[in-house]
Amino acid sequence: MARYLPLLVLIGACAACSKPPQPHEPPTPQARAETPWDSLEAQKKKAQDVQKTVDAQAKAQAKDIEAQ
């Protein structure tokens, strides 16, 4: 019996130290934090949209002029 006592103590210590496995859940999405250049990016996107509109109008106007 004395021969098995250290083995039993070791098994008991290992069992006491181990944690139950945690459920594997995906992390919750965090809200996007605003960065200092977000307003600049919005202005850039707006300017690109305006440029596309101007280019489309110029193309339509050039087509009308050629048609006359």
N, C-alpha and C. Protein backbone atom coordinates (compact mmCIF):
# COMPACT_ATOMS: atom_id res chain seq x y z
N MET A 1 0.83 -1.18 0.00
CA MET A 1 0.00 0.00 0.00
C MET A 1 0.88 1.25 0.00
N ALA A 2 1.94 1.26 0.74
CA ALA A 2 2.82 2.42 0.81
C ALA A 2 3.50 2.66 -0.53
N ARG A 3 3.62 1.61 -1.32
CA ARG A 3 4.24 1.73 -2.63
C ARG A 3 3.35 2.52 -3.60
N TYR A 4 2.06 2.40 -3.45
CA TYR A 4 1.11 3.04 -4.35
C TYR A 4 0.68 4.44 -3.89
N LEU A 5 1.03 4.81 -2.68
CA LEU A 5 0.62 6.10 -2.13
C LEU A 5 1.16 7.28 -2.94
N PRO A 6 2.45 7.33 -3.31
CA PRO A 6 2.93 8.48 -4.13
C PRO A 6 2.23 8.55 -5.48
N LEU A 7 1.95 7.40 -6.07
CA LEU A 7 1.26 7.38 -7.34
C LEU A 7 -0.16 7.94 -7.20
N LEU A 8 -0.85 7.56 -6.15
CA LEU A 8 -2.19 8.06 -5.91
C LEU A 8 -2.19 9.56 -5.63
N VAL A 9 -1.20 10.03 -4.91
CA VAL A 9 -1.07 11.47 -4.62
C VAL A 9 -0.82 12.23 -5.93
N LEU A 10 0.03 11.70 -6.78
CA LEU A 10 0.33 12.35 -8.06
C LEU A 10 -0.92 12.41 -8.94
N ILE A 11 -1.66 11.34 -9.01
CA ILE A 11 -2.89 11.32 -9.81
C ILE A 11 -3.91 12.30 -9.24
N GLY A 12 -4.03 12.35 -7.94
CA GLY A 12 -4.96 13.28 -7.30
C GLY A 12 -4.56 14.72 -7.55
N ALA A 13 -3.27 15.02 -7.50
CA ALA A 13 -2.80 16.38 -7.74
C ALA A 13 -3.05 16.79 -9.19
N CYS A 14 -2.82 15.88 -10.11
CA CYS A 14 -3.06 16.18 -11.53
C CYS A 14 -4.56 16.40 -11.78
N ALA A 15 -5.38 15.62 -11.15
CA ALA A 15 -6.83 15.76 -11.33
C ALA A 15 -7.32 17.08 -10.74
N ALA A 16 -6.73 17.51 -9.64
CA ALA A 16 -7.15 18.76 -9.00
C ALA A 16 -6.69 19.98 -9.80
N CYS A 17 -5.58 19.87 -10.49
CA CYS A 17 -5.04 21.01 -11.24
C CYS A 17 -5.70 21.19 -12.60
N SER A 18 -6.21 20.14 -13.16
CA SER A 18 -6.76 20.26 -14.51
C SER A 18 -8.09 21.00 -14.49
N LYS A 19 -8.30 21.81 -15.52
CA LYS A 19 -9.53 22.58 -15.65
C LYS A 19 -10.45 21.86 -16.63
N PRO A 20 -11.74 21.98 -16.45
CA PRO A 20 -12.64 21.37 -17.44
C PRO A 20 -12.51 22.12 -18.76
N PRO A 21 -12.69 21.45 -19.87
CA PRO A 21 -12.54 22.12 -21.16
C PRO A 21 -13.62 23.20 -21.34
N GLN A 22 -13.19 24.32 -21.88
CA GLN A 22 -14.10 25.44 -22.11
C GLN A 22 -14.86 25.20 -23.41
N PRO A 23 -16.12 25.57 -23.47
CA PRO A 23 -16.85 25.43 -24.72
C PRO A 23 -16.23 26.34 -25.78
N HIS A 24 -16.11 25.82 -26.97
CA HIS A 24 -15.46 26.56 -28.06
C HIS A 24 -16.50 27.39 -28.80
N GLU A 25 -16.67 28.65 -28.36
CA GLU A 25 -17.62 29.56 -29.00
C GLU A 25 -16.84 30.61 -29.78
N PRO A 26 -17.36 31.01 -30.91
CA PRO A 26 -16.66 32.07 -31.65
C PRO A 26 -16.73 33.38 -30.87
N PRO A 27 -15.72 34.22 -31.00
CA PRO A 27 -15.73 35.49 -30.28
C PRO A 27 -16.85 36.39 -30.79
N THR A 28 -17.39 37.18 -29.90
CA THR A 28 -18.45 38.09 -30.29
C THR A 28 -17.85 39.24 -31.09
N PRO A 29 -18.51 39.66 -32.16
CA PRO A 29 -17.96 40.75 -32.97
C PRO A 29 -17.98 42.05 -32.18
N GLN A 30 -16.91 42.78 -32.31
CA GLN A 30 -16.79 44.06 -31.62
C GLN A 30 -17.25 45.17 -32.55
N ALA A 31 -17.73 46.24 -31.97
CA ALA A 31 -18.13 47.40 -32.76
C ALA A 31 -16.88 48.03 -33.36
N ARG A 32 -17.01 48.51 -34.59
CA ARG A 32 -15.86 49.10 -35.26
C ARG A 32 -15.55 50.44 -34.62
N ALA A 33 -14.31 50.61 -34.23
CA ALA A 33 -13.89 51.88 -33.63
C ALA A 33 -13.57 52.87 -34.75
N GLU A 34 -14.00 54.10 -34.57
CA GLU A 34 -13.75 55.12 -35.57
C GLU A 34 -12.29 55.56 -35.50
N THR A 35 -11.67 55.67 -36.64
CA THR A 35 -10.28 56.09 -36.71
C THR A 35 -10.23 57.54 -37.17
N PRO A 36 -9.11 58.21 -36.94
CA PRO A 36 -9.01 59.63 -37.31
C PRO A 36 -9.17 59.88 -38.81
N TRP A 37 -8.82 58.93 -39.66
CA TRP A 37 -8.89 59.17 -41.09
C TRP A 37 -10.19 58.66 -41.73
N ASP A 38 -11.16 58.24 -40.95
CA ASP A 38 -12.44 57.80 -41.51
C ASP A 38 -13.14 58.94 -42.24
N SER A 39 -13.09 60.15 -41.70
CA SER A 39 -13.74 61.28 -42.36
C SER A 39 -13.04 61.60 -43.68
N LEU A 40 -11.72 61.43 -43.71
CA LEU A 40 -10.98 61.67 -44.96
C LEU A 40 -11.35 60.63 -46.01
N GLU A 41 -11.51 59.39 -45.58
CA GLU A 41 -11.91 58.33 -46.51
C GLU A 41 -13.31 58.60 -47.06
N ALA A 42 -14.21 59.09 -46.22
CA ALA A 42 -15.56 59.41 -46.67
C ALA A 42 -15.53 60.54 -47.69
N GLN A 43 -14.70 61.56 -47.45
CA GLN A 43 -14.58 62.66 -48.39
C GLN A 43 -13.99 62.19 -49.72
N LYS A 44 -13.03 61.29 -49.64
CA LYS A 44 -12.41 60.74 -50.85
C LYS A 44 -13.43 59.95 -51.66
N LYS A 45 -14.24 59.14 -50.99
CA LYS A 45 -15.26 58.35 -51.67
C LYS A 45 -16.29 59.27 -52.33
N LYS A 46 -16.68 60.32 -51.63
CA LYS A 46 -17.65 61.28 -52.18
C LYS A 46 -17.06 61.97 -53.41
N ALA A 47 -15.79 62.35 -53.34
CA ALA A 47 -15.14 63.01 -54.47
C ALA A 47 -15.05 62.06 -55.67
N GLN A 48 -14.79 60.79 -55.43
CA GLN A 48 -14.73 59.82 -56.52
C GLN A 48 -16.11 59.66 -57.17
N ASP A 49 -17.15 59.62 -56.34
CA ASP A 49 -18.51 59.52 -56.88
C ASP A 49 -18.87 60.74 -57.72
N VAL A 50 -18.50 61.92 -57.25
CA VAL A 50 -18.77 63.15 -58.00
C VAL A 50 -18.01 63.13 -59.32
N GLN A 51 -16.76 62.67 -59.29
CA GLN A 51 -15.96 62.61 -60.52
C GLN A 51 -16.58 61.65 -61.53
N LYS A 52 -17.10 60.54 -61.06
CA LYS A 52 -17.76 59.59 -61.96
C LYS A 52 -18.98 60.23 -62.61
N THR A 53 -19.74 60.99 -61.83
CA THR A 53 -20.92 61.67 -62.36
C THR A 53 -20.52 62.70 -63.40
N VAL A 54 -19.50 63.49 -63.12
CA VAL A 54 -19.03 64.51 -64.06
C VAL A 54 -18.53 63.86 -65.33
N ASP A 55 -17.79 62.77 -65.21
CA ASP A 55 -17.28 62.07 -66.40
C ASP A 55 -18.43 61.52 -67.24
N ALA A 56 -19.45 60.97 -66.59
CA ALA A 56 -20.60 60.43 -67.33
C ALA A 56 -21.34 61.55 -68.04
N GLN A 57 -21.50 62.71 -67.40
CA GLN A 57 -22.17 63.84 -68.04
C GLN A 57 -21.36 64.38 -69.21
N ALA A 58 -20.04 64.44 -69.06
CA ALA A 58 -19.17 64.92 -70.14
C ALA A 58 -19.23 63.97 -71.32
N LYS A 59 -19.26 62.68 -71.04
CA LYS A 59 -19.34 61.68 -72.11
C LYS A 59 -20.67 61.81 -72.86
N ALA A 60 -21.75 62.00 -72.11
CA ALA A 60 -23.07 62.17 -72.73
C ALA A 60 -23.11 63.45 -73.54
N GLN A 61 -22.52 64.52 -73.06
CA GLN A 61 -22.51 65.78 -73.77
C GLN A 61 -21.68 65.66 -75.06
N ALA A 62 -20.55 64.98 -74.99
CA ALA A 62 -19.72 64.79 -76.17
C ALA A 62 -20.47 63.95 -77.22
N LYS A 63 -21.21 62.96 -76.76
CA LYS A 63 -22.00 62.13 -77.68
C LYS A 63 -23.08 62.97 -78.36
N ASP A 64 -23.73 63.85 -77.60
CA ASP A 64 -24.77 64.73 -78.16
C ASP A 64 -24.19 65.69 -79.19
N ILE A 65 -23.01 66.23 -78.90
CA ILE A 65 -22.36 67.17 -79.82
C ILE A 65 -22.00 66.45 -81.13
N GLU A 66 -21.48 65.24 -81.03
CA GLU A 66 -21.13 64.48 -82.22
C GLU A 66 -22.36 64.10 -83.03
N ALA A 67 -23.47 63.89 -82.35
CA ALA A 67 -24.68 63.51 -83.06
C ALA A 67 -25.24 64.65 -83.88
N GLN A 68 -24.93 65.88 -83.53
CA GLN A 68 -25.45 67.04 -84.28
C GLN A 68 -24.63 67.27 -85.46
